[in-house]
Amino acid sequence: MAVTATYTVAGMTCGHCVQAVTGELKELPGVEDVQVELSTGAVTVTSAAPLADDAVRAAVDEAGYELADA
């Protein structure tokens, strides 16, 4: 059963930003889909199992952006 979680990513301003974040998140084990709403910074991740917040934060950092604290 897939798990969906939504995060807020700060600093994205364009399509390239979306691609960078999406690409890094899709490399996490179990990630099936990533949807980004550029205007709000909302990133919805669908995965096979819940993802560790540290792993999501590290992927977003690797893309050059910051995961906003919930």
PDB file of N, CA and C in Angstrom:
ATOM      1  N   MET A   1       0.844  -1.186   0.000  1.00  0.00           N
ATOM      2  CA  MET A   1       0.000   0.000   0.000  1.00  0.00           C
ATOM      3  C   MET A   1       0.888   1.248   0.000  1.00  0.00           C
ATOM      4  N   ALA A   2       0.632   2.121  -0.934  1.00  0.00           N
ATOM      5  CA  ALA A   2       1.443   3.331  -1.064  1.00  0.00           C
ATOM      6  C   ALA A   2       1.146   4.316   0.054  1.00  0.00           C
ATOM      7  N   VAL A   3       2.178   5.053   0.406  1.00  0.00           N
ATOM      8  CA  VAL A   3       2.096   6.083   1.440  1.00  0.00           C
ATOM      9  C   VAL A   3       2.348   7.428   0.767  1.00  0.00           C
ATOM     10  N   THR A   4       1.518   8.416   1.088  1.00  0.00           N
ATOM     11  CA  THR A   4       1.695   9.759   0.530  1.00  0.00           C
ATOM     12  C   THR A   4       2.005  10.737   1.653  1.00  0.00           C
ATOM     13  N   ALA A   5       3.033  11.551   1.442  1.00  0.00           N
ATOM     14  CA  ALA A   5       3.400  12.577   2.421  1.00  0.00           C
ATOM     15  C   ALA A   5       3.651  13.877   1.666  1.00  0.00           C
ATOM     16  N   THR A   6       3.289  14.997   2.286  1.00  0.00           N
ATOM     17  CA  THR A   6       3.504  16.301   1.669  1.00  0.00           C
ATOM     18  C   THR A   6       4.472  17.114   2.523  1.00  0.00           C
ATOM     19  N   TYR A   7       5.435  17.704   1.864  1.00  0.00           N
ATOM     20  CA  TYR A   7       6.464  18.524   2.504  1.00  0.00           C
ATOM     21  C   TYR A   7       6.428  19.908   1.877  1.00  0.00           C
ATOM     22  N   THR A   8       7.041  20.868   2.532  1.00  0.00           N
ATOM     23  CA  THR A   8       7.179  22.206   1.965  1.00  0.00           C
ATOM     24  C   THR A   8       8.652  22.476   1.739  1.00  0.00           C
ATOM     25  N   VAL A   9       8.979  22.840   0.507  1.00  0.00           N
ATOM     26  CA  VAL A   9      10.364  23.120   0.142  1.00  0.00           C
ATOM     27  C   VAL A   9      10.499  24.614  -0.134  1.00  0.00           C
ATOM     28  N   ALA A  10      11.438  25.247   0.537  1.00  0.00           N
ATOM     29  CA  ALA A  10      11.668  26.684   0.379  1.00  0.00           C
ATOM     30  C   ALA A  10      12.722  26.950  -0.685  1.00  0.00           C
ATOM     31  N   GLY A  11      12.528  28.024  -1.426  1.00  0.00           N
ATOM     32  CA  GLY A  11      13.548  28.490  -2.358  1.00  0.00           C
ATOM     33  C   GLY A  11      13.346  28.109  -3.809  1.00  0.00           C
ATOM     34  N   MET A  12      12.333  27.317  -4.128  1.00  0.00           N
ATOM     35  CA  MET A  12      12.106  26.944  -5.528  1.00  0.00           C
ATOM     36  C   MET A  12      11.429  28.108  -6.250  1.00  0.00           C
ATOM     37  N   THR A  13      11.964  28.455  -7.430  1.00  0.00           N
ATOM     38  CA  THR A  13      11.407  29.594  -8.163  1.00  0.00           C
ATOM     39  C   THR A  13      11.119  29.303  -9.626  1.00  0.00           C
ATOM     40  N   CYS A  14      11.521  28.124 -10.133  1.00  0.00           N
ATOM     41  CA  CYS A  14      11.359  27.870 -11.569  1.00  0.00           C
ATOM     42  C   CYS A  14      11.271  26.377 -11.855  1.00  0.00           C
ATOM     43  N   GLY A  15      11.085  26.051 -13.112  1.00  0.00           N
ATOM     44  CA  GLY A  15      10.982  24.670 -13.532  1.00  0.00           C
ATOM     45  C   GLY A  15      12.241  23.869 -13.236  1.00  0.00           C
ATOM     46  N   HIS A  16      13.405  24.502 -13.367  1.00  0.00           N
ATOM     47  CA  HIS A  16      14.657  23.806 -13.064  1.00  0.00           C
ATOM     48  C   HIS A  16      14.699  23.396 -11.596  1.00  0.00           C
ATOM     49  N   CYS A  17      14.209  24.269 -10.730  1.00  0.00           N
ATOM     50  CA  CYS A  17      14.148  23.953  -9.299  1.00  0.00           C
ATOM     51  C   CYS A  17      13.297  22.703  -9.076  1.00  0.00           C
ATOM     52  N   VAL A  18      12.150  22.677  -9.735  1.00  0.00           N
ATOM     53  CA  VAL A  18      11.242  21.536  -9.607  1.00  0.00           C
ATOM     54  C   VAL A  18      11.932  20.263 -10.077  1.00  0.00           C
ATOM     55  N   GLN A  19      12.624  20.323 -11.198  1.00  0.00           N
ATOM     56  CA  GLN A  19      13.321  19.152 -11.728  1.00  0.00           C
ATOM     57  C   GLN A  19      14.410  18.673 -10.779  1.00  0.00           C
ATOM     58  N   ALA A  20      15.157  19.598 -10.198  1.00  0.00           N
ATOM     59  CA  ALA A  20      16.236  19.226  -9.285  1.00  0.00           C
ATOM     60  C   ALA A  20      15.694  18.505  -8.049  1.00  0.00           C
ATOM     61  N   VAL A  21      14.655  19.067  -7.457  1.00  0.00           N
ATOM     62  CA  VAL A  21      14.065  18.468  -6.252  1.00  0.00           C
ATOM     63  C   VAL A  21      13.433  17.117  -6.588  1.00  0.00           C
ATOM     64  N   THR A  22      12.682  17.079  -7.687  1.00  0.00           N
ATOM     65  CA  THR A  22      12.029  15.840  -8.099  1.00  0.00           C
ATOM     66  C   THR A  22      13.053  14.738  -8.347  1.00  0.00           C
ATOM     67  N   GLY A  23      14.119  15.078  -9.050  1.00  0.00           N
ATOM     68  CA  GLY A  23      15.151  14.092  -9.367  1.00  0.00           C
ATOM     69  C   GLY A  23      15.799  13.506  -8.129  1.00  0.00           C
ATOM     70  N   GLU A  24      16.131  14.349  -7.171  1.00  0.00           N
ATOM     71  CA  GLU A  24      16.765  13.857  -5.938  1.00  0.00           C
ATOM     72  C   GLU A  24      15.808  12.994  -5.127  1.00  0.00           C
ATOM     73  N   LEU A  25      14.558  13.412  -5.017  1.00  0.00           N
ATOM     74  CA  LEU A  25      13.591  12.641  -4.231  1.00  0.00           C
ATOM     75  C   LEU A  25      13.292  11.292  -4.878  1.00  0.00           C
ATOM     76  N   LYS A  26      13.255  11.243  -6.209  1.00  0.00           N
ATOM     77  CA  LYS A  26      12.971   9.982  -6.893  1.00  0.00           C
ATOM     78  C   LYS A  26      14.094   8.966  -6.721  1.00  0.00           C
ATOM     79  N   GLU A  27      15.277   9.415  -6.312  1.00  0.00           N
ATOM     80  CA  GLU A  27      16.381   8.493  -6.073  1.00  0.00           C
ATOM     81  C   GLU A  27      16.270   7.784  -4.727  1.00  0.00           C
ATOM     82  N   LEU A  28      15.407   8.276  -3.841  1.00  0.00           N
ATOM     83  CA  LEU A  28      15.236   7.621  -2.543  1.00  0.00           C
ATOM     84  C   LEU A  28      14.568   6.258  -2.745  1.00  0.00           C
ATOM     85  N   PRO A  29      15.028   5.237  -2.025  1.00  0.00           N
ATOM     86  CA  PRO A  29      14.435   3.903  -2.168  1.00  0.00           C
ATOM     87  C   PRO A  29      12.941   3.904  -1.850  1.00  0.00           C
ATOM     88  N   GLY A  30      12.166   3.301  -2.738  1.00  0.00           N
ATOM     89  CA  GLY A  30      10.736   3.157  -2.507  1.00  0.00           C
ATOM     90  C   GLY A  30       9.880   4.283  -3.047  1.00  0.00           C
ATOM     91  N   VAL A  31      10.507   5.375  -3.490  1.00  0.00           N
ATOM     92  CA  VAL A  31       9.717   6.502  -4.001  1.00  0.00           C
ATOM     93  C   VAL A  31       9.134   6.135  -5.366  1.00  0.00           C
ATOM     94  N   GLU A  32       7.822   6.291  -5.477  1.00  0.00           N
ATOM     95  CA  GLU A  32       7.116   5.949  -6.706  1.00  0.00           C
ATOM     96  C   GLU A  32       6.740   7.168  -7.525  1.00  0.00           C
ATOM     97  N   ASP A  33       6.449   8.291  -6.857  1.00  0.00           N
ATOM     98  CA  ASP A  33       6.011   9.484  -7.573  1.00  0.00           C
ATOM     99  C   ASP A  33       6.311  10.727  -6.748  1.00  0.00           C
ATOM    100  N   VAL A  34       6.614  11.816  -7.449  1.00  0.00           N
ATOM    101  CA  VAL A  34       6.841  13.115  -6.800  1.00  0.00           C
ATOM    102  C   VAL A  34       6.070  14.164  -7.589  1.00  0.00           C
ATOM    103  N   GLN A  35       5.232  14.919  -6.898  1.00  0.00           N
ATOM    104  CA  GLN A  35       4.477  16.011  -7.517  1.00  0.00           C
ATOM    105  C   GLN A  35       4.832  17.309  -6.792  1.00  0.00           C
ATOM    106  N   VAL A  36       5.174  18.340  -7.566  1.00  0.00           N
ATOM    107  CA  VAL A  36       5.578  19.620  -6.983  1.00  0.00           C
ATOM    108  C   VAL A  36       4.621  20.717  -7.413  1.00  0.00           C
ATOM    109  N   GLU A  37       4.169  21.504  -6.456  1.00  0.00           N
ATOM    110  CA  GLU A  37       3.353  22.696  -6.731  1.00  0.00           C
ATOM    111  C   GLU A  37       4.274  23.896  -6.509  1.00  0.00           C
ATOM    112  N   LEU A  38       4.836  24.404  -7.605  1.00  0.00           N
ATOM    113  CA  LEU A  38       5.847  25.458  -7.527  1.00  0.00           C
ATOM    114  C   LEU A  38       5.358  26.691  -6.768  1.00  0.00           C
ATOM    115  N   SER A  39       4.113  27.086  -6.986  1.00  0.00           N
ATOM    116  CA  SER A  39       3.619  28.331  -6.392  1.00  0.00           C
ATOM    117  C   SER A  39       3.564  28.287  -4.865  1.00  0.00           C
ATOM    118  N   THR A  40       3.382  27.096  -4.298  1.00  0.00           N
ATOM    119  CA  THR A  40       3.289  26.981  -2.837  1.00  0.00           C
ATOM    120  C   THR A  40       4.506  26.313  -2.209  1.00  0.00           C
ATOM    121  N   GLY A  41       5.316  25.644  -3.029  1.00  0.00           N
ATOM    122  CA  GLY A  41       6.446  24.894  -2.500  1.00  0.00           C
ATOM    123  C   GLY A  41       6.052  23.529  -1.970  1.00  0.00           C
ATOM    124  N   ALA A  42       4.792  23.143  -2.173  1.00  0.00           N
ATOM    125  CA  ALA A  42       4.321  21.846  -1.675  1.00  0.00           C
ATOM    126  C   ALA A  42       4.873  20.730  -2.559  1.00  0.00           C
ATOM    127  N   VAL A  43       5.456  19.735  -1.919  1.00  0.00           N
ATOM    128  CA  VAL A  43       5.999  18.576  -2.613  1.00  0.00           C
ATOM    129  C   VAL A  43       5.325  17.333  -2.037  1.00  0.00           C
ATOM    130  N   THR A  44       4.586  16.626  -2.878  1.00  0.00           N
ATOM    131  CA  THR A  44       3.890  15.427  -2.440  1.00  0.00           C
ATOM    132  C   THR A  44       4.648  14.217  -2.961  1.00  0.00           C
ATOM    133  N   VAL A  45       5.033  13.352  -2.040  1.00  0.00           N
ATOM    134  CA  VAL A  45       5.830  12.177  -2.368  1.00  0.00           C
ATOM    135  C   VAL A  45       5.000  10.924  -2.082  1.00  0.00           C
ATOM    136  N   THR A  46       4.902  10.057  -3.082  1.00  0.00           N
ATOM    137  CA  THR A  46       4.238   8.770  -2.906  1.00  0.00           C
ATOM    138  C   THR A  46       5.323   7.703  -2.883  1.00  0.00           C
ATOM    139  N   SER A  47       5.299   6.875  -1.847  1.00  0.00           N
ATOM    140  CA  SER A  47       6.333   5.854  -1.692  1.00  0.00           C
ATOM    141  C   SER A  47       5.723   4.544  -1.212  1.00  0.00           C
ATOM    142  N   ALA A  48       6.496   3.473  -1.349  1.00  0.00           N
ATOM    143  CA  ALA A  48       6.032   2.146  -0.952  1.00  0.00           C
ATOM    144  C   ALA A  48       5.904   2.031   0.561  1.00  0.00           C
ATOM    145  N   ALA A  49       6.706   2.796   1.284  1.00  0.00           N
ATOM    146  CA  ALA A  49       6.697   2.790   2.749  1.00  0.00           C
ATOM    147  C   ALA A  49       7.005   4.210   3.221  1.00  0.00           C
ATOM    148  N   PRO A  50       6.672   4.523   4.471  1.00  0.00           N
ATOM    149  CA  PRO A  50       6.991   5.868   4.974  1.00  0.00           C
ATOM    150  C   PRO A  50       8.486   6.175   4.851  1.00  0.00           C
ATOM    151  N   LEU A  51       8.785   7.403   4.485  1.00  0.00           N
ATOM    152  CA  LEU A  51      10.177   7.838   4.339  1.00  0.00           C
ATOM    153  C   LEU A  51      10.650   8.512   5.623  1.00  0.00           C
ATOM    154  N   ALA A  52      11.913   8.317   5.933  1.00  0.00           N
ATOM    155  CA  ALA A  52      12.503   9.004   7.081  1.00  0.00           C
ATOM    156  C   ALA A  52      12.650  10.482   6.735  1.00  0.00           C
ATOM    157  N   ASP A  53      12.245  11.341   7.662  1.00  0.00           N
ATOM    158  CA  ASP A  53      12.363  12.783   7.418  1.00  0.00           C
ATOM    159  C   ASP A  53      13.795  13.184   7.102  1.00  0.00           C
ATOM    160  N   ASP A  54      14.764  12.548   7.765  1.00  0.00           N
ATOM    161  CA  ASP A  54      16.171  12.869   7.510  1.00  0.00           C
ATOM    162  C   ASP A  54      16.561  12.567   6.066  1.00  0.00           C
ATOM    163  N   ALA A  55      16.029  11.481   5.507  1.00  0.00           N
ATOM    164  CA  ALA A  55      16.341  11.122   4.121  1.00  0.00           C
ATOM    165  C   ALA A  55      15.742  12.135   3.154  1.00  0.00           C
ATOM    166  N   VAL A  56      14.519  12.563   3.422  1.00  0.00           N
ATOM    167  CA  VAL A  56      13.864  13.564   2.573  1.00  0.00           C
ATOM    168  C   VAL A  56      14.618  14.884   2.667  1.00  0.00           C
ATOM    169  N   ARG A  57      14.970  15.276   3.884  1.00  0.00           N
ATOM    170  CA  ARG A  57      15.715  16.527   4.094  1.00  0.00           C
ATOM    171  C   ARG A  57      17.056  16.484   3.343  1.00  0.00           C
ATOM    172  N   ALA A  58      17.751  15.365   3.419  1.00  0.00           N
ATOM    173  CA  ALA A  58      19.054  15.226   2.750  1.00  0.00           C
ATOM    174  C   ALA A  58      18.904  15.320   1.233  1.00  0.00           C
ATOM    175  N   ALA A  59      17.853  14.716   0.678  1.00  0.00           N
ATOM    176  CA  ALA A  59      17.633  14.772  -0.769  1.00  0.00           C
ATOM    177  C   ALA A  59      17.336  16.200  -1.218  1.00  0.00           C
ATOM    178  N   VAL A  60      16.504  16.905  -0.460  1.00  0.00           N
ATOM    179  CA  VAL A  60      16.176  18.297  -0.789  1.00  0.00           C
ATOM    180  C   VAL A  60      17.435  19.167  -0.669  1.00  0.00           C
ATOM    181  N   ASP A  61      18.229  18.945   0.373  1.00  0.00           N
ATOM    182  CA  ASP A  61      19.481  19.686   0.536  1.00  0.00           C
ATOM    183  C   ASP A  61      20.423  19.428  -0.644  1.00  0.00           C
ATOM    184  N   GLU A  62      20.496  18.181  -1.083  1.00  0.00           N
ATOM    185  CA  GLU A  62      21.364  17.815  -2.201  1.00  0.00           C
ATOM    186  C   GLU A  62      20.953  18.544  -3.480  1.00  0.00           C
ATOM    187  N   ALA A  63      19.646  18.788  -3.610  1.00  0.00           N
ATOM    188  CA  ALA A  63      19.146  19.521  -4.783  1.00  0.00           C
ATOM    189  C   ALA A  63      19.425  21.022  -4.661  1.00  0.00           C
ATOM    190  N   GLY A  64      19.832  21.469  -3.473  1.00  0.00           N
ATOM    191  CA  GLY A  64      20.166  22.888  -3.282  1.00  0.00           C
ATOM    192  C   GLY A  64      19.062  23.703  -2.658  1.00  0.00           C
ATOM    193  N   TYR A  65      18.099  23.047  -2.023  1.00  0.00           N
ATOM    194  CA  TYR A  65      16.968  23.756  -1.415  1.00  0.00           C
ATOM    195  C   TYR A  65      16.811  23.326   0.026  1.00  0.00           C
ATOM    196  N   GLU A  66      15.830  23.893   0.679  1.00  0.00           N
ATOM    197  CA  GLU A  66      15.648  23.647   2.108  1.00  0.00           C
ATOM    198  C   GLU A  66      14.248  23.151   2.403  1.00  0.00           C
ATOM    199  N   LEU A  67      14.184  22.093   3.182  1.00  0.00           N
ATOM    200  CA  LEU A  67      12.894  21.568   3.630  1.00  0.00           C
ATOM    201  C   LEU A  67      12.414  22.430   4.769  1.00  0.00           C
ATOM    202  N   ALA A  68      11.242  23.034   4.607  1.00  0.00           N
ATOM    203  CA  ALA A  68      10.696  23.888   5.662  1.00  0.00           C
ATOM    204  C   ALA A  68      10.211  23.015   6.814  1.00  0.00           C
ATOM    205  N   ASP A  69      10.393  23.481   8.023  1.00  0.00           N
ATOM    206  CA  ASP A  69       9.919  22.740   9.193  1.00  0.00           C
ATOM    207  C   ASP A  69       8.404  22.786   9.226  1.00  0.00           C
ATOM    208  N   ALA A  70       7.841  21.646   9.548  1.00  0.00           N
ATOM    209  CA  ALA A  70       6.380  21.540   9.586  1.00  0.00           C
ATOM    210  C   ALA A  70       5.816  22.286  10.768  1.00  0.00           C
TER     211      ALA A  70
END
